[in-house]
Structure formats: structure tokens, C-alpha cells
Amino acid sequence: MKVYTVILLQLILWSGYSITEWLSRHDLILYKVCMFIVFFYLAITIGNYIVKSPRKTMFATFISLGIYGSFQIIMSIIYVA
């Protein structure tokens, strides 16, 4: 149940990343990469605080990042069509 909670919290965090990326759409790619690293670090920190297992934290982080990425790809396909 803790991993599920972590995934939901991280999806909320990735939504915040989407809003921040949208607000900084004119920034250089280097700044966007740095921002992604900061959000990735926050996701791992939040996950490790709740789960207290580095392996489960990385698992939950990659699952939530995969869900977020899949959703972004699907939305970009729908937006183009």
C-alpha cells in the first residue's frame, strides 16, 4: 500500500513538473534538464521517506515516471490529430 501511495504522490509531483515546464517553454533545454533532475530528486526523496527502501523507491519512481511519460505521449498524439 505504501508503494501505491508513493506512486500517487509522485504523479502529483510530475503534474507539477508539467506545469513548470509549460511555464518555462521559452527556456533553454539545459535549464529544462536541470529542472527535471530537481523534480526527479524530489520524487526519490519523497518515495524514500515513505517507503524506506531504496529498491522499492526506485521501482515506484520508474513506474510513476513511465505512467507520466505514457500519458504525455498519448496527449501529444491526441493534440496533433
C-alpha atoms as a PDB file:
ATOM      1  CA  MET A   1       0.000   0.000   0.000  1.00  0.00           C
ATOM      2  CA  LYS A   2       2.924   2.353   0.659  1.00  0.00           C
ATOM      3  CA  VAL A   3       4.241   1.910  -2.879  1.00  0.00           C
ATOM      4  CA  TYR A   4       0.817   2.800  -4.271  1.00  0.00           C
ATOM      5  CA  THR A   5       0.779   5.943  -2.109  1.00  0.00           C
ATOM      6  CA  VAL A   6       4.254   6.874  -3.337  1.00  0.00           C
ATOM      7  CA  ILE A   7       3.217   6.402  -6.962  1.00  0.00           C
ATOM      8  CA  LEU A   8       0.189   8.664  -6.478  1.00  0.00           C
ATOM      9  CA  LEU A   9       2.246  11.359  -4.742  1.00  0.00           C
ATOM     10  CA  GLN A  10       4.882  11.182  -7.448  1.00  0.00           C
ATOM     11  CA  LEU A  11       2.234  11.516 -10.155  1.00  0.00           C
ATOM     12  CA  ILE A  12       1.108  14.704  -8.411  1.00  0.00           C
ATOM     13  CA  LEU A  13       4.743  15.830  -8.433  1.00  0.00           C
ATOM     14  CA  TRP A  14       5.092  15.045 -12.148  1.00  0.00           C
ATOM     15  CA  SER A  15       1.947  17.082 -12.783  1.00  0.00           C
ATOM     16  CA  GLY A  16       3.675  19.981 -11.056  1.00  0.00           C
ATOM     17  CA  TYR A  17       6.659  19.383 -13.323  1.00  0.00           C
ATOM     18  CA  SER A  18       4.363  19.601 -16.366  1.00  0.00           C
ATOM     19  CA  ILE A  19       3.003  22.942 -15.218  1.00  0.00           C
ATOM     20  CA  THR A  20       6.504  24.247 -14.508  1.00  0.00           C
ATOM     21  CA  GLU A  21       7.747  23.042 -17.885  1.00  0.00           C
ATOM     22  CA  TRP A  22       4.791  24.684 -19.601  1.00  0.00           C
ATOM     23  CA  LEU A  23       5.512  27.980 -17.833  1.00  0.00           C
ATOM     24  CA  SER A  24       9.174  27.810 -18.916  1.00  0.00           C
ATOM     25  CA  ARG A  25       8.565  26.819 -22.526  1.00  0.00           C
ATOM     26  CA  HIS A  26      10.964  29.502 -23.818  1.00  0.00           C
ATOM     27  CA  ASP A  27      13.889  28.427 -21.627  1.00  0.00           C
ATOM     28  CA  LEU A  28      16.967  26.661 -22.902  1.00  0.00           C
ATOM     29  CA  ILE A  29      16.996  22.855 -22.916  1.00  0.00           C
ATOM     30  CA  LEU A  30      19.795  22.866 -20.312  1.00  0.00           C
ATOM     31  CA  TYR A  31      17.508  24.569 -17.808  1.00  0.00           C
ATOM     32  CA  LYS A  32      14.734  22.099 -18.525  1.00  0.00           C
ATOM     33  CA  VAL A  33      17.127  19.181 -17.934  1.00  0.00           C
ATOM     34  CA  CYS A  34      18.238  20.723 -14.638  1.00  0.00           C
ATOM     35  CA  MET A  35      14.605  21.191 -13.650  1.00  0.00           C
ATOM     36  CA  PHE A  36      13.868  17.544 -14.478  1.00  0.00           C
ATOM     37  CA  ILE A  37      16.797  16.444 -12.306  1.00  0.00           C
ATOM     38  CA  VAL A  38      15.466  18.523  -9.400  1.00  0.00           C
ATOM     39  CA  PHE A  39      11.976  17.029  -9.733  1.00  0.00           C
ATOM     40  CA  PHE A  40      13.438  13.518 -10.084  1.00  0.00           C
ATOM     41  CA  TYR A  41      15.426  14.057  -6.882  1.00  0.00           C
ATOM     42  CA  LEU A  42      12.277  15.272  -5.109  1.00  0.00           C
ATOM     43  CA  ALA A  43      10.375  12.204  -6.298  1.00  0.00           C
ATOM     44  CA  ILE A  44      13.078   9.879  -4.973  1.00  0.00           C
ATOM     45  CA  THR A  45      13.289  11.763  -1.668  1.00  0.00           C
ATOM     46  CA  ILE A  46       9.527  11.642  -1.129  1.00  0.00           C
ATOM     47  CA  GLY A  47       9.414   7.975  -2.046  1.00  0.00           C
ATOM     48  CA  ASN A  48      12.304   7.031   0.196  1.00  0.00           C
ATOM     49  CA  TYR A  49      10.765   8.969   3.098  1.00  0.00           C
ATOM     50  CA  ILE A  50       7.548   6.953   2.866  1.00  0.00           C
ATOM     51  CA  VAL A  51       8.748   3.510   1.765  1.00  0.00           C
ATOM     52  CA  LYS A  52      12.173   3.498   3.488  1.00  0.00           C
ATOM     53  CA  SER A  53      13.572   1.073   0.917  1.00  0.00           C
ATOM     54  CA  PRO A  54      15.816   2.329  -1.899  1.00  0.00           C
ATOM     55  CA  ARG A  55      14.887  -0.552  -4.208  1.00  0.00           C
ATOM     56  CA  LYS A  56      11.129  -0.072  -3.785  1.00  0.00           C
ATOM     57  CA  THR A  57      11.580   3.687  -4.084  1.00  0.00           C
ATOM     58  CA  MET A  58      13.338   3.361  -7.437  1.00  0.00           C
ATOM     59  CA  PHE A  59      10.699   0.874  -8.592  1.00  0.00           C
ATOM     60  CA  ALA A  60       7.868   3.255  -7.666  1.00  0.00           C
ATOM     61  CA  THR A  61       9.685   6.221  -9.212  1.00  0.00           C
ATOM     62  CA  PHE A  62      10.203   4.479 -12.537  1.00  0.00           C
ATOM     63  CA  ILE A  63       6.604   3.243 -12.543  1.00  0.00           C
ATOM     64  CA  SER A  64       5.256   6.748 -11.914  1.00  0.00           C
ATOM     65  CA  LEU A  65       7.658   8.230 -14.482  1.00  0.00           C
ATOM     66  CA  GLY A  66       6.514   5.602 -17.005  1.00  0.00           C
ATOM     67  CA  ILE A  67       2.863   6.411 -16.377  1.00  0.00           C
ATOM     68  CA  TYR A  68       3.593  10.121 -16.684  1.00  0.00           C
ATOM     69  CA  GLY A  69       5.587   9.648 -19.900  1.00  0.00           C
ATOM     70  CA  SER A  70       2.924   7.413 -21.435  1.00  0.00           C
ATOM     71  CA  PHE A  71       0.250   9.944 -20.615  1.00  0.00           C
ATOM     72  CA  GLN A  72       2.324  12.753 -22.157  1.00  0.00           C
ATOM     73  CA  ILE A  73       2.851  10.752 -25.358  1.00  0.00           C
ATOM     74  CA  ILE A  74      -0.844   9.875 -25.624  1.00  0.00           C
ATOM     75  CA  MET A  75      -1.860  13.501 -25.076  1.00  0.00           C
ATOM     76  CA  SER A  76       0.608  14.748 -27.678  1.00  0.00           C
ATOM     77  CA  ILE A  77      -0.794  12.238 -30.207  1.00  0.00           C
ATOM     78  CA  ILE A  78      -4.343  13.331 -29.450  1.00  0.00           C
ATOM     79  CA  TYR A  79      -3.370  17.020 -29.656  1.00  0.00           C
ATOM     80  CA  VAL A  80      -1.766  16.589 -33.090  1.00  0.00           C
ATOM     81  CA  ALA A  81      -4.658  14.583 -34.522  1.00  0.00           C
END
